[in-house]
Structures are given as structure tokens and as C-alpha cells.
Amino acid sequence: MSKHTTSTAQEVHALLLDAHPEARDANFKKAANLASKGHAPQETLTAIQNLQDALADGADAAKAESLLRHATSLALKWAEQAEQ
């Protein structure tokens, strides 16, 4: 993949690693925006959207943390694939 895609994927992953499962978390918002503009794989976009929806619906901390871990895992997979 392109160098830009690789750096975007890595940045999204890093932001999600530092994010807190809260709708107003700046790292999460930036990661979601970059992923949507950076042509992230659909499964990564879906995981981030699911977390956004859950947070908007008032998900409890355990559910939100689980969804964040899942999104982070998929962002890592995207970053690894982008490096190849």
C-alpha cells in the first residue's frame, strides 16, 4: 500500500491505543475521522462506528472498553497489512 495509507493506519492505531472509551475523547474523534478519510478497511470503519454508536447510546464502561479494544485490534491489523 502507499506510504500515506501506511502512516494513516499507524496513526489511527496509535490514537485508538491512547483513547478512552468516551464520546468526547479527542484521540478517538481524530482516529474516527482519519479512518474514514484514510480509506480504512470496512471492518475497521464498522468497529469504530459501532463504538461511536454505543457511546452515543450510553454504553456501560465494560461494553465501551470491549468495543474500543476491538477497534484498536482491527486498526493494528490494517496497519500491519498496509506495511506489506
PDB file of N, CA and C in Angstrom:
ATOM      1  N   MET A   1       0.837  -1.177   0.000  1.00  0.00           N
ATOM      2  CA  MET A   1       0.000   0.000   0.000  1.00  0.00           C
ATOM      3  C   MET A   1       0.883   1.241   0.000  1.00  0.00           C
ATOM      4  N   SER A   2       0.266   2.370  -0.215  1.00  0.00           N
ATOM      5  CA  SER A   2       1.043   3.607  -0.286  1.00  0.00           C
ATOM      6  C   SER A   2       1.590   3.995   1.087  1.00  0.00           C
ATOM      7  N   LYS A   3       2.624   4.798   1.046  1.00  0.00           N
ATOM      8  CA  LYS A   3       3.237   5.283   2.282  1.00  0.00           C
ATOM      9  C   LYS A   3       2.222   6.087   3.098  1.00  0.00           C
ATOM     10  N   HIS A   4       1.383   6.853   2.415  1.00  0.00           N
ATOM     11  CA  HIS A   4       0.364   7.654   3.100  1.00  0.00           C
ATOM     12  C   HIS A   4      -0.645   6.757   3.819  1.00  0.00           C
ATOM     13  N   THR A   5      -1.079   5.705   3.149  1.00  0.00           N
ATOM     14  CA  THR A   5      -2.029   4.775   3.769  1.00  0.00           C
ATOM     15  C   THR A   5      -1.407   4.108   4.987  1.00  0.00           C
ATOM     16  N   THR A   6      -0.150   3.720   4.850  1.00  0.00           N
ATOM     17  CA  THR A   6       0.548   3.087   5.965  1.00  0.00           C
ATOM     18  C   THR A   6       0.646   4.033   7.151  1.00  0.00           C
ATOM     19  N   SER A   7       1.031   5.264   6.919  1.00  0.00           N
ATOM     20  CA  SER A   7       1.164   6.214   8.028  1.00  0.00           C
ATOM     21  C   SER A   7      -0.194   6.551   8.634  1.00  0.00           C
ATOM     22  N   THR A   8      -1.235   6.624   7.802  1.00  0.00           N
ATOM     23  CA  THR A   8      -2.579   6.878   8.323  1.00  0.00           C
ATOM     24  C   THR A   8      -3.030   5.723   9.199  1.00  0.00           C
ATOM     25  N   ALA A   9      -2.831   4.504   8.735  1.00  0.00           N
ATOM     26  CA  ALA A   9      -3.224   3.324   9.514  1.00  0.00           C
ATOM     27  C   ALA A   9      -2.482   3.277  10.838  1.00  0.00           C
ATOM     28  N   GLN A  10      -1.192   3.571  10.802  1.00  0.00           N
ATOM     29  CA  GLN A  10      -0.402   3.576  12.034  1.00  0.00           C
ATOM     30  C   GLN A  10      -0.875   4.666  12.987  1.00  0.00           C
ATOM     31  N   GLU A  11      -1.212   5.827  12.452  1.00  0.00           N
ATOM     32  CA  GLU A  11      -1.689   6.921  13.296  1.00  0.00           C
ATOM     33  C   GLU A  11      -3.041   6.594  13.921  1.00  0.00           C
ATOM     34  N   VAL A  12      -3.940   6.004  13.141  1.00  0.00           N
ATOM     35  CA  VAL A  12      -5.245   5.609  13.678  1.00  0.00           C
ATOM     36  C   VAL A  12      -5.046   4.614  14.820  1.00  0.00           C
ATOM     37  N   HIS A  13      -4.183   3.641  14.609  1.00  0.00           N
ATOM     38  CA  HIS A  13      -3.919   2.655  15.651  1.00  0.00           C
ATOM     39  C   HIS A  13      -3.364   3.324  16.911  1.00  0.00           C
ATOM     40  N   ALA A  14      -2.384   4.200  16.750  1.00  0.00           N
ATOM     41  CA  ALA A  14      -1.789   4.885  17.896  1.00  0.00           C
ATOM     42  C   ALA A  14      -2.815   5.731  18.645  1.00  0.00           C
ATOM     43  N   LEU A  15      -3.660   6.424  17.907  1.00  0.00           N
ATOM     44  CA  LEU A  15      -4.692   7.247  18.543  1.00  0.00           C
ATOM     45  C   LEU A  15      -5.675   6.392  19.335  1.00  0.00           C
ATOM     46  N   LEU A  16      -6.074   5.258  18.772  1.00  0.00           N
ATOM     47  CA  LEU A  16      -7.004   4.379  19.478  1.00  0.00           C
ATOM     48  C   LEU A  16      -6.345   3.777  20.719  1.00  0.00           C
ATOM     49  N   LEU A  17      -5.054   3.482  20.640  1.00  0.00           N
ATOM     50  CA  LEU A  17      -4.347   2.969  21.823  1.00  0.00           C
ATOM     51  C   LEU A  17      -4.393   3.973  22.969  1.00  0.00           C
ATOM     52  N   ASP A  18      -4.318   5.255  22.641  1.00  0.00           N
ATOM     53  CA  ASP A  18      -4.307   6.307  23.653  1.00  0.00           C
ATOM     54  C   ASP A  18      -5.701   6.815  24.022  1.00  0.00           C
ATOM     55  N   ALA A  19      -6.702   6.364  23.301  1.00  0.00           N
ATOM     56  CA  ALA A  19      -8.068   6.864  23.515  1.00  0.00           C
ATOM     57  C   ALA A  19      -8.708   6.242  24.751  1.00  0.00           C
ATOM     58  N   HIS A  20      -9.667   6.970  25.270  1.00  0.00           N
ATOM     59  CA  HIS A  20     -10.533   6.474  26.343  1.00  0.00           C
ATOM     60  C   HIS A  20     -11.903   6.236  25.719  1.00  0.00           C
ATOM     61  N   PRO A  21     -12.605   5.229  26.169  1.00  0.00           N
ATOM     62  CA  PRO A  21     -13.911   4.933  25.561  1.00  0.00           C
ATOM     63  C   PRO A  21     -14.987   5.946  25.984  1.00  0.00           C
ATOM     64  N   GLU A  22     -14.791   7.168  25.533  1.00  0.00           N
ATOM     65  CA  GLU A  22     -15.716   8.262  25.814  1.00  0.00           C
ATOM     66  C   GLU A  22     -15.970   9.020  24.512  1.00  0.00           C
ATOM     67  N   ALA A  23     -17.193   9.403  24.292  1.00  0.00           N
ATOM     68  CA  ALA A  23     -17.556  10.087  23.047  1.00  0.00           C
ATOM     69  C   ALA A  23     -16.772  11.372  22.835  1.00  0.00           C
ATOM     70  N   ARG A  24     -16.406  12.036  23.901  1.00  0.00           N
ATOM     71  CA  ARG A  24     -15.726  13.329  23.759  1.00  0.00           C
ATOM     72  C   ARG A  24     -14.201  13.216  23.738  1.00  0.00           C
ATOM     73  N   ASP A  25     -13.665  12.012  23.775  1.00  0.00           N
ATOM     74  CA  ASP A  25     -12.219  11.828  23.765  1.00  0.00           C
ATOM     75  C   ASP A  25     -11.639  12.314  22.442  1.00  0.00           C
ATOM     76  N   ALA A  26     -10.704  13.237  22.501  1.00  0.00           N
ATOM     77  CA  ALA A  26     -10.135  13.841  21.290  1.00  0.00           C
ATOM     78  C   ALA A  26      -9.396  12.819  20.432  1.00  0.00           C
ATOM     79  N   ASN A  27      -8.679  11.884  21.061  1.00  0.00           N
ATOM     80  CA  ASN A  27      -7.953  10.866  20.291  1.00  0.00           C
ATOM     81  C   ASN A  27      -8.917   9.974  19.522  1.00  0.00           C
ATOM     82  N   PHE A  28     -10.001   9.612  20.164  1.00  0.00           N
ATOM     83  CA  PHE A  28     -10.992   8.761  19.499  1.00  0.00           C
ATOM     84  C   PHE A  28     -11.618   9.503  18.318  1.00  0.00           C
ATOM     85  N   LYS A  29     -11.990  10.752  18.525  1.00  0.00           N
ATOM     86  CA  LYS A  29     -12.597  11.538  17.444  1.00  0.00           C
ATOM     87  C   LYS A  29     -11.641  11.680  16.266  1.00  0.00           C
ATOM     88  N   LYS A  30     -10.373  11.954  16.552  1.00  0.00           N
ATOM     89  CA  LYS A  30      -9.400  12.116  15.479  1.00  0.00           C
ATOM     90  C   LYS A  30      -9.187  10.796  14.744  1.00  0.00           C
ATOM     91  N   ALA A  31      -9.112   9.702  15.492  1.00  0.00           N
ATOM     92  CA  ALA A  31      -8.931   8.378  14.874  1.00  0.00           C
ATOM     93  C   ALA A  31     -10.107   8.047  13.957  1.00  0.00           C
ATOM     94  N   ALA A  32     -11.313   8.309  14.412  1.00  0.00           N
ATOM     95  CA  ALA A  32     -12.501   8.027  13.607  1.00  0.00           C
ATOM     96  C   ALA A  32     -12.484   8.851  12.323  1.00  0.00           C
ATOM     97  N   ASN A  33     -12.115  10.110  12.422  1.00  0.00           N
ATOM     98  CA  ASN A  33     -12.061  10.984  11.264  1.00  0.00           C
ATOM     99  C   ASN A  33     -10.986  10.520  10.275  1.00  0.00           C
ATOM    100  N   LEU A  34      -9.796  10.214  10.789  1.00  0.00           N
ATOM    101  CA  LEU A  34      -8.712   9.745   9.916  1.00  0.00           C
ATOM    102  C   LEU A  34      -9.063   8.430   9.237  1.00  0.00           C
ATOM    103  N   ALA A  35      -9.668   7.528   9.972  1.00  0.00           N
ATOM    104  CA  ALA A  35     -10.026   6.227   9.390  1.00  0.00           C
ATOM    105  C   ALA A  35     -11.014   6.398   8.251  1.00  0.00           C
ATOM    106  N   SER A  36     -11.987   7.270   8.434  1.00  0.00           N
ATOM    107  CA  SER A  36     -12.990   7.451   7.375  1.00  0.00           C
ATOM    108  C   SER A  36     -12.391   8.128   6.149  1.00  0.00           C
ATOM    109  N   LYS A  37     -11.461   9.033   6.354  1.00  0.00           N
ATOM    110  CA  LYS A  37     -10.819   9.724   5.226  1.00  0.00           C
ATOM    111  C   LYS A  37      -9.646   8.934   4.662  1.00  0.00           C
ATOM    112  N   GLY A  38      -9.109   8.012   5.451  1.00  0.00           N
ATOM    113  CA  GLY A  38      -7.919   7.281   5.050  1.00  0.00           C
ATOM    114  C   GLY A  38      -8.188   5.954   4.386  1.00  0.00           C
ATOM    115  N   HIS A  39      -9.430   5.743   4.004  1.00  0.00           N
ATOM    116  CA  HIS A  39      -9.803   4.517   3.294  1.00  0.00           C
ATOM    117  C   HIS A  39      -9.495   3.260   4.107  1.00  0.00           C
ATOM    118  N   ALA A  40      -9.845   3.307   5.367  1.00  0.00           N
ATOM    119  CA  ALA A  40      -9.675   2.132   6.225  1.00  0.00           C
ATOM    120  C   ALA A  40     -10.546   0.996   5.713  1.00  0.00           C
ATOM    121  N   PRO A  41     -10.146  -0.225   5.988  1.00  0.00           N
ATOM    122  CA  PRO A  41     -10.992  -1.365   5.611  1.00  0.00           C
ATOM    123  C   PRO A  41     -12.369  -1.245   6.270  1.00  0.00           C
ATOM    124  N   GLN A  42     -13.357  -1.785   5.618  1.00  0.00           N
ATOM    125  CA  GLN A  42     -14.731  -1.668   6.110  1.00  0.00           C
ATOM    126  C   GLN A  42     -14.877  -2.209   7.527  1.00  0.00           C
ATOM    127  N   GLU A  43     -14.206  -3.306   7.839  1.00  0.00           N
ATOM    128  CA  GLU A  43     -14.349  -3.874   9.189  1.00  0.00           C
ATOM    129  C   GLU A  43     -13.806  -2.920  10.257  1.00  0.00           C
ATOM    130  N   THR A  44     -12.772  -2.166   9.929  1.00  0.00           N
ATOM    131  CA  THR A  44     -12.228  -1.182  10.874  1.00  0.00           C
ATOM    132  C   THR A  44     -13.199  -0.025  11.038  1.00  0.00           C
ATOM    133  N   LEU A  45     -13.711   0.471   9.932  1.00  0.00           N
ATOM    134  CA  LEU A  45     -14.698   1.554   9.992  1.00  0.00           C
ATOM    135  C   LEU A  45     -15.938   1.133  10.770  1.00  0.00           C
ATOM    136  N   THR A  46     -16.383  -0.091  10.543  1.00  0.00           N
ATOM    137  CA  THR A  46     -17.564  -0.595  11.240  1.00  0.00           C
ATOM    138  C   THR A  46     -17.315  -0.689  12.740  1.00  0.00           C
ATOM    139  N   ALA A  47     -16.139  -1.158  13.128  1.00  0.00           N
ATOM    140  CA  ALA A  47     -15.813  -1.271  14.555  1.00  0.00           C
ATOM    141  C   ALA A  47     -15.792   0.100  15.222  1.00  0.00           C
ATOM    142  N   ILE A  48     -15.224   1.082  14.538  1.00  0.00           N
ATOM    143  CA  ILE A  48     -15.196   2.439  15.088  1.00  0.00           C
ATOM    144  C   ILE A  48     -16.612   3.009  15.165  1.00  0.00           C
ATOM    145  N   GLN A  49     -17.408   2.775  14.131  1.00  0.00           N
ATOM    146  CA  GLN A  49     -18.793   3.262  14.129  1.00  0.00           C
ATOM    147  C   GLN A  49     -19.613   2.591  15.228  1.00  0.00           C
ATOM    148  N   ASN A  50     -19.402   1.298  15.426  1.00  0.00           N
ATOM    149  CA  ASN A  50     -20.112   0.590  16.497  1.00  0.00           C
ATOM    150  C   ASN A  50     -19.781   1.192  17.860  1.00  0.00           C
ATOM    151  N   LEU A  51     -18.523   1.547  18.057  1.00  0.00           N
ATOM    152  CA  LEU A  51     -18.129   2.188  19.313  1.00  0.00           C
ATOM    153  C   LEU A  51     -18.778   3.562  19.430  1.00  0.00           C
ATOM    154  N   GLN A  52     -18.761   4.334  18.359  1.00  0.00           N
ATOM    155  CA  GLN A  52     -19.404   5.651  18.386  1.00  0.00           C
ATOM    156  C   GLN A  52     -20.886   5.526  18.730  1.00  0.00           C
ATOM    157  N   ASP A  53     -21.555   4.570  18.098  1.00  0.00           N
ATOM    158  CA  ASP A  53     -22.986   4.368  18.351  1.00  0.00           C
ATOM    159  C   ASP A  53     -23.235   3.944  19.795  1.00  0.00           C
ATOM    160  N   ALA A  54     -22.412   3.034  20.290  1.00  0.00           N
ATOM    161  CA  ALA A  54     -22.578   2.553  21.664  1.00  0.00           C
ATOM    162  C   ALA A  54     -22.364   3.687  22.667  1.00  0.00           C
ATOM    163  N   LEU A  55     -21.365   4.511  22.418  1.00  0.00           N
ATOM    164  CA  LEU A  55     -21.114   5.639  23.309  1.00  0.00           C
ATOM    165  C   LEU A  55     -22.276   6.622  23.281  1.00  0.00           C
ATOM    166  N   ALA A  56     -22.802   6.870  22.092  1.00  0.00           N
ATOM    167  CA  ALA A  56     -23.948   7.781  21.964  1.00  0.00           C
ATOM    168  C   ALA A  56     -25.184   7.229  22.677  1.00  0.00           C
ATOM    169  N   ASP A  57     -25.287   5.906  22.720  1.00  0.00           N
ATOM    170  CA  ASP A  57     -26.425   5.256  23.384  1.00  0.00           C
ATOM    171  C   ASP A  57     -26.191   5.042  24.872  1.00  0.00           C
ATOM    172  N   GLY A  58     -25.037   5.483  25.385  1.00  0.00           N
ATOM    173  CA  GLY A  58     -24.764   5.377  26.814  1.00  0.00           C
ATOM    174  C   GLY A  58     -24.280   4.015  27.265  1.00  0.00           C
ATOM    175  N   ALA A  59     -23.486   3.349  26.453  1.00  0.00           N
ATOM    176  CA  ALA A  59     -22.964   2.028  26.810  1.00  0.00           C
ATOM    177  C   ALA A  59     -22.206   2.095  28.132  1.00  0.00           C
ATOM    178  N   ASP A  60     -22.280   1.007  28.889  1.00  0.00           N
ATOM    179  CA  ASP A  60     -21.533   0.970  30.147  1.00  0.00           C
ATOM    180  C   ASP A  60     -20.039   0.859  29.850  1.00  0.00           C
ATOM    181  N   ALA A  61     -19.236   1.066  30.875  1.00  0.00           N
ATOM    182  CA  ALA A  61     -17.784   1.120  30.708  1.00  0.00           C
ATOM    183  C   ALA A  61     -17.215  -0.175  30.142  1.00  0.00           C
ATOM    184  N   ALA A  62     -17.707  -1.309  30.597  1.00  0.00           N
ATOM    185  CA  ALA A  62     -17.180  -2.597  30.131  1.00  0.00           C
ATOM    186  C   ALA A  62     -17.459  -2.799  28.646  1.00  0.00           C
ATOM    187  N   LYS A  63     -18.650  -2.472  28.216  1.00  0.00           N
ATOM    188  CA  LYS A  63     -19.016  -2.619  26.805  1.00  0.00           C
ATOM    189  C   LYS A  63     -18.190  -1.662  25.941  1.00  0.00           C
ATOM    190  N   ALA A  64     -18.076  -0.414  26.376  1.00  0.00           N
ATOM    191  CA  ALA A  64     -17.321   0.576  25.620  1.00  0.00           C
ATOM    192  C   ALA A  64     -15.853   0.180  25.521  1.00  0.00           C
ATOM    193  N   GLU A  65     -15.287  -0.312  26.606  1.00  0.00           N
ATOM    194  CA  GLU A  65     -13.881  -0.739  26.593  1.00  0.00           C
ATOM    195  C   GLU A  65     -13.683  -1.923  25.654  1.00  0.00           C
ATOM    196  N   SER A  66     -14.611  -2.848  25.657  1.00  0.00           N
ATOM    197  CA  SER A  66     -14.534  -4.004  24.763  1.00  0.00           C
ATOM    198  C   SER A  66     -14.582  -3.571  23.305  1.00  0.00           C
ATOM    199  N   LEU A  67     -15.462  -2.667  22.990  1.00  0.00           N
ATOM    200  CA  LEU A  67     -15.571  -2.167  21.615  1.00  0.00           C
ATOM    201  C   LEU A  67     -14.331  -1.384  21.205  1.00  0.00           C
ATOM    202  N   LEU A  68     -13.762  -0.630  22.134  1.00  0.00           N
ATOM    203  CA  LEU A  68     -12.533   0.103  21.835  1.00  0.00           C
ATOM    204  C   LEU A  68     -11.384  -0.866  21.576  1.00  0.00           C
ATOM    205  N   ARG A  69     -11.274  -1.914  22.381  1.00  0.00           N
ATOM    206  CA  ARG A  69     -10.213  -2.909  22.161  1.00  0.00           C
ATOM    207  C   ARG A  69     -10.366  -3.576  20.794  1.00  0.00           C
ATOM    208  N   HIS A  70     -11.605  -3.864  20.418  1.00  0.00           N
ATOM    209  CA  HIS A  70     -11.857  -4.486  19.119  1.00  0.00           C
ATOM    210  C   HIS A  70     -11.453  -3.542  17.977  1.00  0.00           C
ATOM    211  N   ALA A  71     -11.844  -2.290  18.076  1.00  0.00           N
ATOM    212  CA  ALA A  71     -11.487  -1.307  17.046  1.00  0.00           C
ATOM    213  C   ALA A  71      -9.971  -1.134  16.972  1.00  0.00           C
ATOM    214  N   THR A  72      -9.322  -1.112  18.116  1.00  0.00           N
ATOM    215  CA  THR A  72      -7.868  -0.975  18.166  1.00  0.00           C
ATOM    216  C   THR A  72      -7.193  -2.170  17.510  1.00  0.00           C
ATOM    217  N   SER A  73      -7.702  -3.352  17.775  1.00  0.00           N
ATOM    218  CA  SER A  73      -7.162  -4.574  17.187  1.00  0.00           C
ATOM    219  C   SER A  73      -7.282  -4.544  15.663  1.00  0.00           C
ATOM    220  N   LEU A  74      -8.415  -4.112  15.168  1.00  0.00           N
ATOM    221  CA  LEU A  74      -8.606  -4.045  13.721  1.00  0.00           C
ATOM    222  C   LEU A  74      -7.743  -2.950  13.093  1.00  0.00           C
ATOM    223  N   ALA A  75      -7.533  -1.859  13.807  1.00  0.00           N
ATOM    224  CA  ALA A  75      -6.653  -0.810  13.301  1.00  0.00           C
ATOM    225  C   ALA A  75      -5.214  -1.317  13.218  1.00  0.00           C
ATOM    226  N   LEU A  76      -4.807  -2.121  14.184  1.00  0.00           N
ATOM    227  CA  LEU A  76      -3.470  -2.721  14.139  1.00  0.00           C
ATOM    228  C   LEU A  76      -3.351  -3.654  12.933  1.00  0.00           C
ATOM    229  N   LYS A  77      -4.374  -4.449  12.703  1.00  0.00           N
ATOM    230  CA  LYS A  77      -4.375  -5.357  11.543  1.00  0.00           C
ATOM    231  C   LYS A  77      -4.248  -4.554  10.249  1.00  0.00           C
ATOM    232  N   TRP A  78      -4.974  -3.463  10.140  1.00  0.00           N
ATOM    233  CA  TRP A  78      -4.901  -2.587   8.965  1.00  0.00           C
ATOM    234  C   TRP A  78      -3.480  -2.033   8.815  1.00  0.00           C
ATOM    235  N   ALA A  79      -2.895  -1.567   9.914  1.00  0.00           N
ATOM    236  CA  ALA A  79      -1.543  -1.002   9.866  1.00  0.00           C
ATOM    237  C   ALA A  79      -0.534  -2.058   9.428  1.00  0.00           C
ATOM    238  N   GLU A  80      -0.670  -3.261   9.941  1.00  0.00           N
ATOM    239  CA  GLU A  80       0.245  -4.349   9.565  1.00  0.00           C
ATOM    240  C   GLU A  80       0.101  -4.703   8.095  1.00  0.00           C
ATOM    241  N   GLN A  81      -1.121  -4.755   7.611  1.00  0.00           N
ATOM    242  CA  GLN A  81      -1.353  -5.071   6.201  1.00  0.00           C
ATOM    243  C   GLN A  81      -0.851  -3.946   5.294  1.00  0.00           C
ATOM    244  N   ALA A  82      -0.984  -2.722   5.753  1.00  0.00           N
ATOM    245  CA  ALA A  82      -0.540  -1.574   4.968  1.00  0.00           C
ATOM    246  C   ALA A  82       0.976  -1.563   4.806  1.00  0.00           C
ATOM    247  N   GLU A  83       1.678  -2.114   5.778  1.00  0.00           N
ATOM    248  CA  GLU A  83       3.150  -2.157   5.722  1.00  0.00           C
ATOM    249  C   GLU A  83       3.664  -3.154   4.700  1.00  0.00           C
ATOM    250  N   GLN A  84       2.852  -4.117   4.337  1.00  0.00           N
ATOM    251  CA  GLN A  84       3.297  -5.169   3.423  1.00  0.00           C
ATOM    252  C   GLN A  84       3.293  -4.728   1.981  1.00  0.00           C
TER     253      GLN A  84
END
